[in-house]
Amino acid sequence: MTGYITKLVEGKVFGFIRVGNTEYFFHREDFHGHWDDLTMDYYKSKEKIEVEFDAVDSAKGPRAANVRRVDE
């Protein structure tokens, strides 16, 4: 599945990905890549960061696993 990062919570190391009307939670452990580079690009760039991921169900709602940037 492909979506865009809508929010990163820097101090808590998690974020959200939007696909249509659904937001998927992901944790740093779910991200395959350099977290520091992701956060720096997110806060400095005006472009949306596109990611691919596997959608999984969790007790707290939609979750993203195996998150990876499309541009890398």
C-alpha atoms as a PDB file:
ATOM      1  CA  MET A   1       0.000   0.000   0.000  1.00  0.00           C
ATOM      2  CA  THR A   2       1.198   3.552  -0.700  1.00  0.00           C
ATOM      3  CA  GLY A   3       0.477   6.708   1.290  1.00  0.00           C
ATOM      4  CA  TYR A   4       1.927   9.951   2.632  1.00  0.00           C
ATOM      5  CA  ILE A   5       3.282  10.753   6.079  1.00  0.00           C
ATOM      6  CA  THR A   6       0.917  13.237   7.690  1.00  0.00           C
ATOM      7  CA  LYS A   7       2.540  13.566  11.092  1.00  0.00           C
ATOM      8  CA  LEU A   8       5.734  12.622  12.917  1.00  0.00           C
ATOM      9  CA  VAL A   9       6.007  13.005  16.669  1.00  0.00           C
ATOM     10  CA  GLU A  10       9.708  13.692  17.075  1.00  0.00           C
ATOM     11  CA  GLY A  11      10.191  13.015  20.780  1.00  0.00           C
ATOM     12  CA  LYS A  12       7.960   9.939  20.835  1.00  0.00           C
ATOM     13  CA  VAL A  13       9.330   8.264  17.648  1.00  0.00           C
ATOM     14  CA  PHE A  14       6.046   7.485  15.930  1.00  0.00           C
ATOM     15  CA  GLY A  15       3.945   8.910  13.158  1.00  0.00           C
ATOM     16  CA  PHE A  16       0.921   8.569  10.923  1.00  0.00           C
ATOM     17  CA  ILE A  17       0.416   7.748   7.255  1.00  0.00           C
ATOM     18  CA  ARG A  18      -2.704   8.749   5.336  1.00  0.00           C
ATOM     19  CA  VAL A  19      -4.312   6.740   2.568  1.00  0.00           C
ATOM     20  CA  GLY A  20      -7.618   8.214   1.467  1.00  0.00           C
ATOM     21  CA  ASN A  21      -9.643   8.820   4.643  1.00  0.00           C
ATOM     22  CA  THR A  22      -7.690   6.352   6.771  1.00  0.00           C
ATOM     23  CA  GLU A  23      -4.686   7.126   8.971  1.00  0.00           C
ATOM     24  CA  TYR A  24      -2.254   4.357   9.847  1.00  0.00           C
ATOM     25  CA  PHE A  25      -0.087   4.523  12.969  1.00  0.00           C
ATOM     26  CA  PHE A  26       3.561   3.485  12.700  1.00  0.00           C
ATOM     27  CA  HIS A  27       6.416   3.330  15.177  1.00  0.00           C
ATOM     28  CA  ARG A  28      10.098   3.828  14.519  1.00  0.00           C
ATOM     29  CA  GLU A  29      10.516   0.053  14.729  1.00  0.00           C
ATOM     30  CA  ASP A  30       8.143  -0.294  11.750  1.00  0.00           C
ATOM     31  CA  PHE A  31      10.260   2.022   9.574  1.00  0.00           C
ATOM     32  CA  HIS A  32      12.991   0.557   7.375  1.00  0.00           C
ATOM     33  CA  GLY A  33      15.526   3.331   6.932  1.00  0.00           C
ATOM     34  CA  HIS A  34      17.231   6.082   8.890  1.00  0.00           C
ATOM     35  CA  TRP A  35      14.709   7.621  11.284  1.00  0.00           C
ATOM     36  CA  ASP A  36      16.792  10.778  11.776  1.00  0.00           C
ATOM     37  CA  ASP A  37      16.877  11.386   8.010  1.00  0.00           C
ATOM     38  CA  LEU A  38      13.126  10.864   7.819  1.00  0.00           C
ATOM     39  CA  THR A  39      12.363  13.358  10.581  1.00  0.00           C
ATOM     40  CA  MET A  40      14.799  15.934   9.178  1.00  0.00           C
ATOM     41  CA  ASP A  41      13.269  15.664   5.710  1.00  0.00           C
ATOM     42  CA  TYR A  42       9.737  15.787   7.121  1.00  0.00           C
ATOM     43  CA  TYR A  43      10.305  18.989   9.092  1.00  0.00           C
ATOM     44  CA  LYS A  44      12.437  20.770   6.477  1.00  0.00           C
ATOM     45  CA  SER A  45      10.733  19.729   3.251  1.00  0.00           C
ATOM     46  CA  LYS A  46       7.603  21.226   1.804  1.00  0.00           C
ATOM     47  CA  GLU A  47       7.060  18.051  -0.216  1.00  0.00           C
ATOM     48  CA  LYS A  48       4.974  15.162   1.064  1.00  0.00           C
ATOM     49  CA  ILE A  49       6.986  12.056   1.872  1.00  0.00           C
ATOM     50  CA  GLU A  50       5.532   9.055   0.084  1.00  0.00           C
ATOM     51  CA  VAL A  51       5.927   5.646   1.686  1.00  0.00           C
ATOM     52  CA  GLU A  52       5.010   2.048   0.965  1.00  0.00           C
ATOM     53  CA  PHE A  53       3.848  -0.211   3.780  1.00  0.00           C
ATOM     54  CA  ASP A  54       1.874  -3.263   4.767  1.00  0.00           C
ATOM     55  CA  ALA A  55      -1.476  -2.516   6.410  1.00  0.00           C
ATOM     56  CA  VAL A  56      -2.151  -4.572   9.544  1.00  0.00           C
ATOM     57  CA  ASP A  57      -4.953  -4.605  12.077  1.00  0.00           C
ATOM     58  CA  SER A  58      -4.221  -3.799  15.691  1.00  0.00           C
ATOM     59  CA  ALA A  59      -6.339  -3.492  18.823  1.00  0.00           C
ATOM     60  CA  LYS A  60      -5.974   0.311  18.621  1.00  0.00           C
ATOM     61  CA  GLY A  61      -6.840   0.678  14.929  1.00  0.00           C
ATOM     62  CA  PRO A  62      -5.066   0.637  11.544  1.00  0.00           C
ATOM     63  CA  ARG A  63      -1.317   0.173  11.730  1.00  0.00           C
ATOM     64  CA  ALA A  64       1.470   0.269   9.157  1.00  0.00           C
ATOM     65  CA  ALA A  65       4.266  -2.305   9.147  1.00  0.00           C
ATOM     66  CA  ASN A  66       7.380  -2.563   6.954  1.00  0.00           C
ATOM     67  CA  VAL A  67       7.288   1.173   6.171  1.00  0.00           C
ATOM     68  CA  ARG A  68       9.798   2.313   3.570  1.00  0.00           C
ATOM     69  CA  ARG A  69      10.257   5.514   1.620  1.00  0.00           C
ATOM     70  CA  VAL A  70       9.403   5.458  -2.059  1.00  0.00           C
ATOM     71  CA  ASP A  71      12.136   7.982  -2.930  1.00  0.00           C
ATOM     72  CA  GLU A  72      15.011   5.887  -1.566  1.00  0.00           C
END
